[in-house]
Protein backbone atom coordinates (compact mmCIF):
# COMPACT_ATOMS: atom_id res chain seq x y z
CA MET A 1 1.06 -6.46 -10.04
CA VAL A 2 2.11 -2.89 -9.24
CA LYS A 3 -0.08 0.12 -10.05
CA GLN A 4 1.14 3.70 -9.62
CA ASN A 5 -1.33 6.51 -8.81
CA PRO A 6 -4.54 4.89 -10.06
CA THR A 7 -7.75 6.83 -10.50
CA VAL A 8 -10.34 6.36 -7.76
CA GLN A 9 -12.26 3.99 -10.04
CA GLU A 10 -9.13 1.92 -10.79
CA PHE A 11 -8.27 1.91 -7.08
CA ASN A 12 -11.72 0.57 -6.17
CA GLU A 13 -11.50 -2.13 -8.85
CA ILE A 14 -8.01 -3.26 -7.78
CA THR A 15 -8.80 -3.40 -4.06
CA ALA A 16 -12.21 -5.08 -4.50
CA THR A 17 -10.83 -8.61 -4.80
CA GLY A 18 -7.88 -10.47 -3.39
CA LYS A 19 -5.10 -9.04 -1.25
CA THR A 20 -3.87 -5.52 -1.90
CA LEU A 21 -1.18 -3.44 -0.21
CA VAL A 22 -1.64 0.31 -0.68
CA ASP A 23 1.56 2.29 -0.11
CA PHE A 24 1.13 6.04 0.50
CA TRP A 25 4.55 7.62 -0.08
CA ALA A 26 6.53 10.59 -1.46
CA SER A 27 9.85 10.73 -3.29
CA TRP A 28 11.44 13.05 -0.69
CA CYS A 29 10.60 10.68 2.21
CA GLY A 30 13.59 8.55 3.33
CA PRO A 31 11.52 5.89 5.14
CA CYS A 32 9.26 5.68 2.07
CA ARG A 33 12.28 4.93 -0.13
CA ALA A 34 13.29 2.20 2.35
CA GLN A 35 9.72 0.79 2.34
CA ALA A 36 9.48 0.60 -1.46
CA PRO A 37 11.69 -2.50 -2.01
CA ILE A 38 9.92 -4.30 0.85
CA ALA A 39 6.49 -3.64 -0.66
CA GLU A 40 7.73 -4.56 -4.12
CA GLU A 41 9.20 -7.84 -2.85
CA LEU A 42 5.87 -8.73 -1.24
CA ALA A 43 4.08 -8.10 -4.55
CA ARG A 44 6.73 -9.98 -6.55
CA THR A 45 6.82 -13.09 -4.34
CA THR A 46 3.16 -13.45 -3.30
CA ASP A 47 -0.33 -12.93 -4.67
CA VAL A 48 -0.56 -9.48 -3.06
CA LYS A 49 -1.24 -6.60 -5.46
CA LEU A 50 0.64 -3.36 -4.80
CA VAL A 51 -0.84 0.10 -5.30
CA LYS A 52 1.53 3.04 -4.82
CA ILE A 53 -0.01 6.46 -4.13
CA ASP A 54 2.37 9.43 -4.32
CA VAL A 55 0.86 11.91 -1.84
CA ASP A 56 2.42 14.80 -3.77
CA VAL A 57 0.53 13.76 -6.93
CA ASP A 58 -2.79 12.50 -5.53
CA ASP A 59 -4.52 14.35 -2.72
CA VAL A 60 -7.90 12.58 -2.97
CA LEU A 61 -7.03 9.04 -1.85
CA PRO A 62 -4.70 10.16 0.97
CA ALA A 63 -7.50 12.38 2.29
CA ASP A 64 -10.02 9.52 1.98
CA PHE A 65 -7.78 7.34 4.17
CA GLN A 66 -6.79 10.16 6.54
CA VAL A 67 -3.09 9.78 5.75
CA SER A 68 -1.21 12.29 7.88
CA SER A 69 2.19 10.57 8.03
CA ILE A 70 4.15 8.59 5.47
CA PRO A 71 4.85 5.90 4.71
CA THR A 72 1.37 4.66 5.48
CA LEU A 73 0.42 1.16 4.36
CA VAL A 74 -3.22 0.08 4.12
CA LEU A 75 -3.91 -3.62 3.68
CA PHE A 76 -7.07 -4.77 1.91
CA GLU A 77 -8.55 -8.22 1.52
CA ASP A 78 -11.54 -8.51 -0.82
CA GLY A 79 -12.31 -4.80 -0.51
CA VAL A 80 -12.10 -4.67 3.29
CA ILE A 81 -9.33 -2.93 5.22
CA ILE A 82 -7.67 -5.55 7.41
CA ASN A 83 -4.80 -3.49 8.79
CA LYS A 84 -2.97 -0.16 8.60
CA PHE A 85 0.69 0.53 9.35
CA ILE A 86 2.35 3.91 9.77
CA GLY A 87 6.12 4.07 9.35
CA LEU A 88 8.65 1.63 7.97
CA THR A 89 7.18 -1.87 8.23
CA PRO A 90 9.22 -5.08 7.82
CA LEU A 91 8.28 -7.72 5.24
CA GLU A 92 7.62 -10.32 7.94
CA GLU A 93 5.07 -8.05 9.62
CA LEU A 94 3.25 -7.48 6.33
CA LYS A 95 3.19 -11.21 5.59
CA ALA A 96 1.84 -11.92 9.07
CA ALA A 97 -0.92 -9.34 8.61
CA PHE A 98 -1.92 -10.98 5.31
CA LYS A 99 -1.52 -14.46 6.89
CA ILE A 100 1.18 -15.43 4.39
CA ASP A 101 3.80 -17.99 5.44
């Protein structure tokens, strides 16, 4: 499941249960474009939901999570933040953070 720029209510509903990767990005950001297929592969091949927040479109959620550099990835499990990565992050590192083999 991939959701682009959800409302705050949708965001809270999506992240409340299960594993969710939130990708804060922008179209002009080279590392963000490199991160996108990695995040999408994680969502496609596991039970992790992917939420993509374009920081040029949404300024509320990036401010809520104090995003000052992109890409920033915030990992949720059952509504709780379990990890945060800043910069290009490999698939293996994301799987390890979610405890996925």
